């Protein structure tokens, strides 16, 4: 019987003194775990040991495993030269550890193929390629040579965080076409990308290849989108070069009563550049409120879809479809307040303009909540928050709101700073400011103050004033900065 040779690539190195001990431990573990009965050849079982060794040292370990009693004999160190050429034909690849990917996707991404002639260097390269994608936090491998061929096991651990891939203006492909073609070329692409690694570069290169295949001009770039000092939220891919202009706009799924309003709101987009991120802002700002104010509380717009109408080397014209799902229209059954102490309910309720048994106008409700917060601000409750909790009954298409109010602490007046005026006028305005340090703050006072000063000091008509309130949560004070900028003539 010819000995086999196994390899397991792992993250730590044992010392030479430790090696002999590990060899004995592994041999004992394998011999004692052979429960299949007499005559059954022991299987290799290195999984319980995280060992990374040189080819020479591992060959010594494996040769011990192949003997009936590794403790009683001295093994001859096996070598690949002892095996026939058939031993280096890759006949099996197994993958373990991933919950995100299918086995065939990991194998395809490794670059290995069944039937090819392999060596240790090929396995090292495959593990390195997988690790460099960033899709895996750990990549380990083990392999075994025998007369029948080489068997490889890839043990991977999925990376912790993936974020969406977004395509800004690749109007020549549908979303499904992009996904299918990218997945075919980049097997680990599933619509999301790991924060690190080169998988985003692979997607970018594949997109560039798609453009070239269609004889399209342009360069594919991408950026990592994130809020300031925040984590990455998406990879955004964009084609730069050709101008992509919008011709017409269609709202798929909209009702007859909403279409005229949507079309009116969308006219300003005609002739504009196609950019999904900009169009998404338009959806949230101009289109969605038309549904929310009519009680369609679950209305949602999908990403804008483009259809190429005219294509040239320098300019592309598209028609844009905004898919919308209006959902149910809900009527208001009741609206209750909870948590208010300093302001009575009969003082707050007149600020609410929603009517019972009428469509629940979510836009109006937001405006009413802002009015309530401003009223609290006039009493010094600058950190007051109001959360509207909907209780929706889909069967009856009704909604009840409970307004949860957290008043917080009363803030007092802090420091006043006036900028942009000469010292004489600055001193006068500071003297006219009636709120003194320690007084309960009134958020309506700055506007009242400026309106009064504008009437008394004609010079202020030539200046534009802006107010900034800075809340100090520790000492519960409000610092006020009034800035004056000269108005252009």
Protein backbone atom coordinates (compact mmCIF):
# COMPACT_ATOMS: atom_id res chain seq x y z
CA UNK A 1 0.00 0.00 0.00
CA UNK A 2 1.41 3.37 -1.03
CA UNK A 3 1.14 6.11 1.53
CA UNK A 4 -1.01 9.13 0.76
CA UNK A 5 0.02 12.73 1.33
CA UNK A 6 -2.26 15.32 2.94
CA UNK A 7 -1.91 19.03 3.48
CA UNK A 8 -3.77 21.54 5.60
CA UNK A 9 -2.97 25.25 5.28
CA UNK A 10 -3.70 27.12 8.53
CA UNK A 11 -2.86 30.37 10.29
CA UNK A 12 -0.26 29.44 12.94
CA UNK A 13 3.16 27.76 12.93
CA UNK A 14 4.28 25.18 15.53
CA UNK A 15 7.83 25.11 16.80
CA UNK A 16 10.08 22.13 15.81
CA UNK A 17 9.80 20.73 19.36
CA UNK A 18 6.02 20.96 19.22
CA UNK A 19 5.87 19.11 15.90
CA UNK A 20 6.70 15.65 17.27
CA UNK A 21 4.10 16.03 19.99
CA UNK A 22 1.46 17.00 17.48
CA UNK A 23 2.35 14.02 15.31
CA UNK A 24 1.74 11.66 18.21
CA UNK A 25 -1.50 13.37 19.23
CA UNK A 26 -2.89 13.25 15.73
CA UNK A 27 -1.88 9.62 15.24
CA UNK A 28 -3.55 8.59 18.51
CA UNK A 29 -6.69 10.53 17.66
CA UNK A 30 -7.03 8.88 14.28
CA UNK A 31 -6.29 5.35 15.45
CA UNK A 32 -8.68 5.56 18.39
CA UNK A 33 -11.45 7.10 16.29
CA UNK A 34 -11.47 4.22 13.78
CA UNK A 35 -14.71 2.50 14.84
CA UNK A 36 -15.59 0.82 11.56
CA UNK A 37 -14.02 -2.50 12.49
CA UNK A 38 -10.90 -4.49 11.57
CA UNK A 39 -9.40 -3.95 8.17
CA UNK A 40 -10.82 -0.47 7.65
CA UNK A 41 -8.17 2.05 6.76
CA UNK A 42 -8.03 5.01 9.17
CA UNK A 43 -9.25 8.32 7.73
CA UNK A 44 -7.27 11.54 8.01
CA UNK A 45 -8.74 13.77 10.72
CA UNK A 46 -6.72 16.94 11.23
CA UNK A 47 -9.73 19.20 11.82
CA UNK A 48 -9.23 19.40 15.57
CA UNK A 49 -5.71 20.78 15.15
CA UNK A 50 -5.02 24.21 13.67
CA UNK A 51 -1.54 23.58 12.31
CA UNK A 52 0.46 25.17 9.54
CA UNK A 53 3.71 23.42 8.67
CA UNK A 54 6.18 23.06 5.87
CA UNK A 55 5.75 20.33 3.27
CA UNK A 56 8.50 18.28 4.90
CA UNK A 57 7.03 18.40 8.36
CA UNK A 58 3.47 17.70 7.25
CA UNK A 59 4.64 14.75 5.18
CA UNK A 60 6.06 13.32 8.39
CA UNK A 61 2.74 13.77 10.18
CA UNK A 62 0.79 12.13 7.40
CA UNK A 63 3.15 9.23 7.08
CA UNK A 64 2.57 8.52 10.75
CA UNK A 65 -1.17 8.51 10.15
CA UNK A 66 -0.87 5.97 7.37
CA UNK A 67 0.85 3.37 9.53
CA UNK A 68 -1.13 0.80 11.62
CA UNK A 69 0.67 1.99 14.76
CA UNK A 70 2.40 5.33 14.52
CA UNK A 71 3.76 5.02 18.04
CA UNK A 72 5.51 1.70 17.42
CA UNK A 73 7.18 2.36 14.06
CA UNK A 74 9.39 4.91 12.39
CA UNK A 75 7.80 6.17 9.19
CA UNK A 76 9.54 6.77 5.92
CA UNK A 77 8.73 10.30 4.83
CA UNK A 78 6.53 10.10 1.71
CA UNK A 79 7.15 12.33 -1.26
CA UNK A 80 5.06 13.28 -4.30
CA UNK A 81 7.73 11.52 -6.35
CA UNK A 82 6.43 8.24 -4.90
CA UNK A 83 3.01 8.76 -6.53
CA UNK A 84 1.92 8.11 -10.12
CA UNK A 85 0.91 10.99 -12.45
CA UNK A 86 -2.75 10.13 -11.90
CA UNK A 87 -2.43 11.29 -8.27
CA UNK A 88 -2.17 14.92 -9.41
CA UNK A 89 -5.41 15.01 -11.34
CA UNK A 90 -7.98 17.02 -9.35
CA UNK A 91 -10.98 14.74 -8.87
CA UNK A 92 -12.83 16.32 -5.95
CA UNK A 93 -13.36 19.77 -4.41
CA UNK A 94 -15.44 20.16 -1.28
CA UNK A 95 -16.36 23.44 0.39
CA UNK A 96 -17.48 23.97 3.97
CA UNK A 97 -18.20 26.89 6.29
CA UNK A 98 -20.09 29.33 4.07
CA UNK A 99 -23.75 30.15 4.55
CA UNK A 100 -23.88 32.81 1.84
CA UNK A 101 -22.54 30.98 -1.20
CA UNK A 102 -23.18 27.73 -3.00
CA UNK A 103 -20.31 25.29 -3.30
CA UNK A 104 -20.11 25.75 -7.07
CA UNK A 105 -19.80 29.53 -6.65
CA UNK A 106 -16.84 29.21 -4.30
CA UNK A 107 -15.17 26.66 -6.57
CA UNK A 108 -15.67 28.85 -9.65
CA UNK A 109 -14.23 31.86 -7.82
CA UNK A 110 -11.16 29.84 -6.79
CA UNK A 111 -10.15 29.32 -10.44
CA UNK A 112 -9.75 25.57 -10.00
CA UNK A 113 -11.43 23.03 -12.29
CA UNK A 114 -11.95 19.32 -11.91
CA UNK A 115 -9.70 17.30 -14.18
CA UNK A 116 -6.80 19.75 -14.20
CA UNK A 117 -3.33 18.72 -13.09
CA UNK A 118 -2.59 20.38 -9.74
CA UNK A 119 0.17 20.90 -7.25
CA UNK A 120 0.50 22.47 -3.85
CA UNK A 121 1.08 25.88 -5.45
CA UNK A 122 -2.29 25.69 -7.21
CA UNK A 123 -4.05 25.17 -3.88
CA UNK A 124 -2.15 28.05 -2.29
CA UNK A 125 -3.09 30.32 -5.19
CA UNK A 126 -6.76 29.33 -5.01
CA UNK A 127 -6.88 30.08 -1.27
CA UNK A 128 -5.17 33.42 -1.85
CA UNK A 129 -7.58 34.36 -4.64
CA UNK A 130 -10.59 33.62 -2.43
CA UNK A 131 -9.11 35.55 0.48
CA UNK A 132 -8.35 38.63 -1.64
CA UNK A 133 -11.98 38.98 -2.70
CA UNK A 134 -12.89 40.13 0.81
CA UNK A 135 -15.92 37.82 0.79
CA UNK A 136 -14.35 35.57 3.41
CA UNK A 137 -12.85 36.38 6.77
CA UNK A 138 -10.83 33.15 6.77
CA UNK A 139 -9.78 30.67 4.08
CA UNK A 140 -8.25 27.29 4.96
CA UNK A 141 -7.54 24.32 2.76
CA UNK A 142 -6.46 20.71 2.98
CA UNK A 143 -5.74 18.20 0.25
CA UNK A 144 -4.96 14.53 -0.23
CA UNK A 145 -3.10 12.70 -3.00
CA UNK A 146 -3.86 9.07 -3.87
CA UNK A 147 -3.55 6.80 -6.88
CA UNK A 148 -7.06 7.83 -7.95
CA UNK A 149 -6.32 11.57 -7.89
CA UNK A 150 -6.14 14.69 -5.73
CA UNK A 151 -8.93 15.72 -3.37
CA UNK A 152 -9.21 19.27 -2.03
CA UNK A 153 -11.27 20.72 0.81
CA UNK A 154 -11.79 24.48 1.07
CA UNK A 155 -12.95 25.71 4.45
CA UNK A 156 -14.12 29.33 4.35
CA UNK A 157 -15.76 31.74 6.75
CA UNK A 158 -18.07 34.44 5.37
CA UNK A 159 -17.09 38.05 5.91
CA UNK A 160 -19.16 39.81 8.55
CA UNK A 161 -20.64 42.71 6.57
CA UNK A 162 -21.88 43.10 3.00
CA UNK A 163 -23.52 46.19 1.49
CA UNK A 164 -25.66 46.63 -1.65
CA UNK A 165 -24.23 47.31 -5.09
CA UNK A 166 -26.10 50.11 -6.89
CA UNK A 167 -25.94 50.98 -10.56
CA UNK A 168 -26.45 54.65 -11.28
CA UNK A 169 -26.81 54.96 -15.02
CA UNK A 170 -26.17 51.70 -16.84
CA UNK A 171 -29.32 52.26 -18.85
CA UNK A 172 -28.43 49.74 -21.57
CA UNK A 173 -29.16 46.78 -19.29
CA UNK A 174 -32.11 45.83 -17.13
CA UNK A 175 -31.43 45.05 -13.49
CA UNK A 176 -31.91 41.35 -14.16
CA UNK A 177 -29.55 41.40 -17.14
CA UNK A 178 -26.89 43.10 -15.04
CA UNK A 179 -27.26 40.63 -12.20
CA UNK A 180 -27.21 37.55 -14.44
CA UNK A 181 -24.24 38.67 -16.53
CA UNK A 182 -22.23 39.88 -13.56
CA UNK A 183 -22.90 36.70 -11.62
CA UNK A 184 -21.76 34.64 -14.59
CA UNK A 185 -18.43 36.51 -14.68
CA UNK A 186 -18.02 37.15 -10.95
CA UNK A 187 -19.43 34.04 -9.21
CA UNK A 188 -19.34 35.62 -5.73
CA UNK A 189 -21.49 38.58 -6.79
CA UNK A 190 -25.03 38.30 -5.44
CA UNK A 191 -26.11 41.92 -5.53
CA UNK A 192 -24.06 42.74 -2.45
CA UNK A 193 -20.34 43.27 -1.90
CA UNK A 194 -18.02 42.97 1.10
CA UNK A 195 -16.64 46.20 2.53
CA UNK A 196 -13.04 45.20 1.79
CA UNK A 197 -11.20 43.13 -0.80
CA UNK A 198 -11.15 43.29 -4.58
CA UNK A 199 -14.62 41.90 -5.38
CA UNK A 200 -15.85 45.41 -6.22
CA UNK A 201 -12.95 45.75 -8.67
CA UNK A 202 -13.95 42.48 -10.30
CA UNK A 203 -17.50 43.77 -10.73
CA UNK A 204 -16.21 47.06 -12.17
CA UNK A 205 -14.02 45.20 -14.68
CA UNK A 206 -16.93 42.97 -15.67
CA UNK A 207 -19.14 46.01 -16.24
CA UNK A 208 -16.45 47.57 -18.41
CA UNK A 209 -16.37 44.37 -20.44
CA UNK A 210 -20.15 44.55 -20.93
CA UNK A 211 -19.84 48.07 -22.32
CA UNK A 212 -17.05 47.04 -24.70
CA UNK A 213 -19.07 44.04 -25.90
CA UNK A 214 -21.88 46.42 -26.91
CA UNK A 215 -19.48 48.92 -28.50
CA UNK A 216 -20.48 51.53 -25.92
CA UNK A 217 -18.24 54.44 -25.04
CA UNK A 218 -17.61 55.25 -21.39
CA UNK A 219 -15.62 54.32 -18.33
CA UNK A 220 -16.99 52.46 -15.33
CA UNK A 221 -16.09 53.86 -11.93
CA UNK A 222 -17.40 53.19 -8.45
CA UNK A 223 -17.36 54.84 -5.07
CA UNK A 224 -18.14 53.76 -1.55
CA UNK A 225 -21.21 55.68 -0.40
CA UNK A 226 -21.47 56.56 3.29
CA UNK A 227 -22.70 59.30 5.56
CA UNK A 228 -20.04 61.49 7.10
CA UNK A 229 -17.88 59.44 9.49
CA UNK A 230 -20.31 56.54 9.09
CA UNK A 231 -19.91 53.01 7.77
CA UNK A 232 -20.07 52.16 4.08
CA UNK A 233 -23.69 51.89 2.98
CA UNK A 234 -23.31 50.90 -0.68
CA UNK A 235 -20.99 50.56 -3.66
CA UNK A 236 -22.25 52.91 -6.39
CA UNK A 237 -21.19 52.10 -9.99
CA UNK A 238 -21.38 54.84 -12.61
CA UNK A 239 -20.56 55.16 -16.31
CA UNK A 240 -18.83 58.43 -17.17
CA UNK A 241 -18.53 59.69 -20.73
CA UNK A 242 -21.83 59.65 -22.63
CA UNK A 243 -24.61 62.11 -21.76
CA UNK A 244 -27.79 60.30 -20.75
CA UNK A 245 -30.89 62.50 -20.96
CA UNK A 246 -34.47 61.84 -19.92
CA UNK A 247 -37.21 62.26 -22.55
CA UNK A 248 -40.50 61.08 -21.04
CA UNK A 249 -41.62 59.81 -17.64
CA UNK A 250 -44.15 57.07 -16.91
CA UNK A 251 -45.57 55.99 -13.53
CA UNK A 252 -46.31 52.27 -13.64
CA UNK A 253 -48.89 51.16 -11.12
CA UNK A 254 -50.31 54.61 -10.39
CA UNK A 255 -54.07 55.16 -10.23
CA UNK A 256 -55.95 57.42 -12.60
CA UNK A 257 -56.46 60.10 -9.95
CA UNK A 258 -52.76 60.28 -9.05
CA UNK A 259 -51.25 60.19 -12.56
CA UNK A 260 -51.94 63.89 -13.41
CA UNK A 261 -50.40 64.99 -10.11
CA UNK A 262 -47.37 62.77 -10.59
CA UNK A 263 -46.84 63.90 -14.16
CA UNK A 264 -47.02 67.54 -13.10
CA UNK A 265 -44.44 66.94 -10.38
CA UNK A 266 -42.19 65.07 -12.82
CA UNK A 267 -42.10 67.59 -15.68
CA UNK A 268 -38.97 69.25 -14.36
CA UNK A 269 -37.10 65.96 -14.90
CA UNK A 270 -37.59 66.05 -18.67
CA UNK A 271 -34.24 66.80 -20.28
CA UNK A 272 -32.36 66.15 -17.04
CA UNK A 273 -29.48 63.68 -16.72
CA UNK A 274 -30.40 60.15 -15.73
CA UNK A 275 -29.06 59.34 -12.28
CA UNK A 276 -30.82 56.88 -10.03
CA UNK A 277 -29.64 58.53 -6.82
CA UNK A 278 -31.04 61.90 -7.94
CA UNK A 279 -34.27 60.31 -9.13
CA UNK A 280 -34.58 58.52 -5.79
CA UNK A 281 -34.48 61.90 -4.06
CA UNK A 282 -37.24 63.10 -6.38
CA UNK A 283 -39.33 60.06 -5.48
CA UNK A 284 -39.05 60.79 -1.77
CA UNK A 285 -39.45 64.56 -2.09
CA UNK A 286 -42.04 65.03 -4.84
CA UNK A 287 -43.81 61.75 -5.66
CA UNK A 288 -44.24 59.78 -2.44
CA UNK A 289 -45.85 62.68 -0.50
CA UNK A 290 -48.67 62.72 -3.09
CA UNK A 291 -49.63 59.29 -1.82
CA UNK A 292 -48.94 59.84 1.87
CA UNK A 293 -51.19 62.89 2.04
CA UNK A 294 -54.03 60.78 0.63
CA UNK A 295 -53.73 58.04 3.21
CA UNK A 296 -51.64 55.56 1.19
CA UNK A 297 -49.39 54.94 4.18
CA UNK A 298 -47.56 51.96 2.68
CA UNK A 299 -46.98 53.38 -0.79
CA UNK A 300 -43.51 52.64 -2.13
CA UNK A 301 -41.50 53.46 -5.25
CA UNK A 302 -38.97 51.07 -6.74
CA UNK A 303 -35.79 52.17 -8.53
CA UNK A 304 -36.39 54.09 -11.74
CA UNK A 305 -36.09 51.96 -14.88
CA UNK A 306 -34.71 53.37 -18.12
CA UNK A 307 -35.51 52.38 -21.69
CA UNK A 308 -33.09 53.52 -24.38
CA UNK A 309 -34.90 55.44 -27.11
CA UNK A 310 -31.96 56.83 -29.04
CA UNK A 311 -28.33 55.84 -28.64
CA UNK A 312 -25.28 57.59 -30.00
CA UNK A 313 -21.56 57.73 -29.23
CA UNK A 314 -21.92 60.95 -27.24
CA UNK A 315 -25.55 61.06 -26.13
CA UNK A 316 -28.23 58.59 -25.11
CA UNK A 317 -31.92 59.42 -24.72
CA UNK A 318 -34.12 57.35 -22.42
CA UNK A 319 -37.70 57.11 -21.22
CA UNK A 320 -37.97 56.55 -17.49
CA UNK A 321 -40.52 54.43 -15.65
CA UNK A 322 -41.17 54.90 -11.94
CA UNK A 323 -42.77 51.70 -10.58
CA UNK A 324 -45.11 52.44 -7.67
CA UNK A 325 -47.07 50.20 -5.32
CA UNK A 326 -49.79 52.41 -3.74
CA UNK A 327 -51.13 49.80 -1.35
CA UNK A 328 -54.27 50.43 0.69
CA UNK A 329 -55.77 53.81 1.45
CA UNK A 330 -56.26 54.18 5.21
CA UNK A 331 -58.76 56.31 7.09
CA UNK A 332 -58.15 57.76 10.55
CA UNK A 333 -60.25 56.30 13.39
CA UNK A 334 -58.67 58.06 16.38
CA UNK A 335 -55.64 60.03 17.55
CA UNK A 336 -54.54 59.97 21.20
CA UNK A 337 -51.80 61.80 23.09
CA UNK A 338 -49.64 60.23 25.78
CA UNK A 339 -46.81 61.56 27.95
CA UNK A 340 -47.65 65.28 27.91
CA UNK A 341 -47.44 66.90 31.36
CA UNK A 342 -46.47 70.56 31.07
CA UNK A 343 -48.86 71.23 28.19
CA UNK A 344 -52.46 69.98 28.53
CA UNK A 345 -54.08 67.94 25.81
CA UNK A 346 -56.61 70.68 25.02
CA UNK A 347 -53.66 73.01 24.30
CA UNK A 348 -51.99 70.55 21.91
CA UNK A 349 -54.98 69.04 20.11
CA UNK A 350 -55.88 72.22 18.15
CA UNK A 351 -52.48 71.88 16.43
CA UNK A 352 -53.58 68.57 14.90
CA UNK A 353 -55.45 68.97 11.62
CA UNK A 354 -56.20 65.32 10.78
CA UNK A 355 -59.90 64.46 10.74
CA UNK A 356 -61.49 61.23 11.91
CA UNK A 357 -63.08 59.11 9.13
CA UNK A 358 -60.96 60.94 6.54
CA UNK A 359 -57.85 59.65 4.72
CA UNK A 360 -54.92 59.67 7.14
CA UNK A 361 -52.79 62.52 5.81
CA UNK A 362 -49.28 61.54 6.88
CA UNK A 363 -47.75 64.70 5.40
CA UNK A 364 -50.08 66.90 7.45
CA UNK A 365 -49.37 64.82 10.54
CA UNK A 366 -45.62 65.47 10.19
CA UNK A 367 -46.30 69.20 9.91
CA UNK A 368 -48.56 69.07 12.99
CA UNK A 369 -45.89 67.29 15.01
CA UNK A 370 -43.39 70.00 14.09
CA UNK A 371 -45.85 72.65 15.25
CA UNK A 372 -46.22 70.83 18.57
CA UNK A 373 -42.45 70.66 19.01
CA UNK A 374 -42.18 74.40 18.33
CA UNK A 375 -44.80 75.06 20.98
CA UNK A 376 -42.77 73.04 23.45
CA UNK A 377 -39.72 75.06 22.41
CA UNK A 378 -41.42 78.27 23.48
CA UNK A 379 -41.60 76.80 26.99
CA UNK A 380 -37.93 75.82 27.03
CA UNK A 381 -38.44 72.13 26.20
CA UNK A 382 -35.85 72.20 23.44
CA UNK A 383 -35.20 68.44 23.46
CA UNK A 384 -38.86 67.42 23.37
CA UNK A 385 -39.61 64.56 20.98
CA UNK A 386 -42.93 63.31 19.61
CA UNK A 387 -43.29 59.88 18.01
CA UNK A 388 -46.45 58.93 16.13
CA UNK A 389 -47.15 55.21 16.56
CA UNK A 390 -49.67 53.89 14.01
CA UNK A 391 -52.04 51.06 14.88
CA UNK A 392 -53.06 49.78 11.45
CA UNK A 393 -56.02 47.54 10.74
CA UNK A 394 -55.49 46.18 7.22
CA UNK A 395 -58.82 44.35 7.19
CA UNK A 396 -60.73 47.59 7.70
CA UNK A 397 -58.15 49.88 6.02
CA UNK A 398 -58.06 52.09 9.09
CA UNK A 399 -55.36 53.53 11.32
CA UNK A 400 -55.24 54.90 14.84
CA UNK A 401 -52.32 57.09 15.95
CA UNK A 402 -50.92 57.38 19.43
CA UNK A 403 -48.61 60.38 19.85
CA UNK A 404 -45.95 59.50 22.42
CA UNK A 405 -44.50 62.72 23.85
CA UNK A 406 -41.22 62.92 25.73
CA UNK A 407 -40.95 66.46 27.04
CA UNK A 408 -37.46 66.26 28.52
CA UNK A 409 -35.88 69.06 30.57
CA UNK A 410 -36.38 72.82 30.44
CA UNK A 411 -33.44 74.64 28.84
CA UNK A 412 -32.37 78.14 29.81
CA UNK A 413 -30.72 80.95 27.89
CA UNK A 414 -26.96 80.59 27.50
CA UNK A 415 -24.58 82.86 25.57
CA UNK A 416 -25.56 85.30 22.83
CA UNK A 417 -23.19 86.08 19.96
CA UNK A 418 -23.90 88.56 17.15
CA UNK A 419 -21.71 88.43 14.05
CA UNK A 420 -21.32 90.52 10.91
CA UNK A 421 -22.13 94.02 12.24
CA UNK A 422 -19.92 96.81 13.54
CA UNK A 423 -19.25 97.05 17.27
CA UNK A 424 -21.70 99.92 17.84
CA UNK A 425 -24.67 98.15 16.31
CA UNK A 426 -23.62 94.85 17.88
CA UNK A 427 -23.65 96.42 21.35
CA UNK A 428 -27.08 97.91 20.76
CA UNK A 429 -28.58 94.60 19.65
CA UNK A 430 -27.07 92.77 22.61
CA UNK A 431 -28.59 95.34 24.96
CA UNK A 432 -31.99 94.99 23.27
CA UNK A 433 -31.95 91.19 23.63
CA UNK A 434 -34.35 90.52 26.51
CA UNK A 435 -33.53 86.87 27.27
CA UNK A 436 -30.82 86.83 29.91
CA UNK A 437 -28.63 83.99 31.04
CA UNK A 438 -30.60 81.61 33.21
CA UNK A 439 -34.02 82.64 31.88
CA UNK A 440 -36.18 79.81 30.49
CA UNK A 441 -35.43 79.73 26.78
CA UNK A 442 -38.12 80.67 24.25
CA UNK A 443 -37.44 79.31 20.75
CA UNK A 444 -39.83 81.87 19.22
CA UNK A 445 -37.96 84.84 20.66
CA UNK A 446 -35.15 85.19 18.04
CA UNK A 447 -37.69 85.74 15.25
CA UNK A 448 -39.69 88.16 17.37
CA UNK A 449 -36.50 90.03 18.22
CA UNK A 450 -35.36 90.33 14.60
CA UNK A 451 -38.80 91.45 13.40
CA UNK A 452 -38.82 94.18 16.03
CA UNK A 453 -35.25 95.33 15.36
CA UNK A 454 -35.89 95.37 11.61
CA UNK A 455 -38.62 97.93 12.16
CA UNK A 456 -36.60 100.09 14.53
CA UNK A 457 -33.24 99.99 12.73
CA UNK A 458 -33.53 100.74 9.02
CA UNK A 459 -29.98 99.50 8.48
CA UNK A 460 -31.12 95.92 9.08
CA UNK A 461 -33.10 96.03 5.85
CA UNK A 462 -29.76 95.73 4.03
CA UNK A 463 -28.79 92.62 5.91
CA UNK A 464 -29.92 89.02 5.92
CA UNK A 465 -30.05 87.51 9.38
CA UNK A 466 -29.75 83.82 10.28
CA UNK A 467 -30.06 82.23 13.72
CA UNK A 468 -28.31 79.15 15.03
CA UNK A 469 -29.28 77.55 18.34
CA UNK A 470 -26.72 75.28 20.01
CA UNK A 471 -28.05 73.00 22.74
CA UNK A 472 -25.76 72.12 25.64
CA UNK A 473 -27.14 68.87 27.02
CA UNK A 474 -24.94 68.87 30.13
CA UNK A 475 -25.96 72.22 31.63
CA UNK A 476 -29.29 72.41 29.75
CA UNK A 477 -28.60 75.78 28.12
CA UNK A 478 -29.04 77.19 24.61
CA UNK A 479 -26.30 79.32 23.03
CA UNK A 480 -27.62 81.61 20.29
CA UNK A 481 -25.62 82.94 17.34
CA UNK A 482 -27.20 85.63 15.15
CA UNK A 483 -25.30 86.17 11.92
CA UNK A 484 -25.83 89.13 9.58
CA UNK A 485 -24.77 88.97 5.92
CA UNK A 486 -25.09 91.93 3.56
CA UNK A 487 -27.78 91.44 0.92
CA UNK A 488 -26.63 91.93 -2.69
CA UNK A 489 -27.83 95.09 -4.43
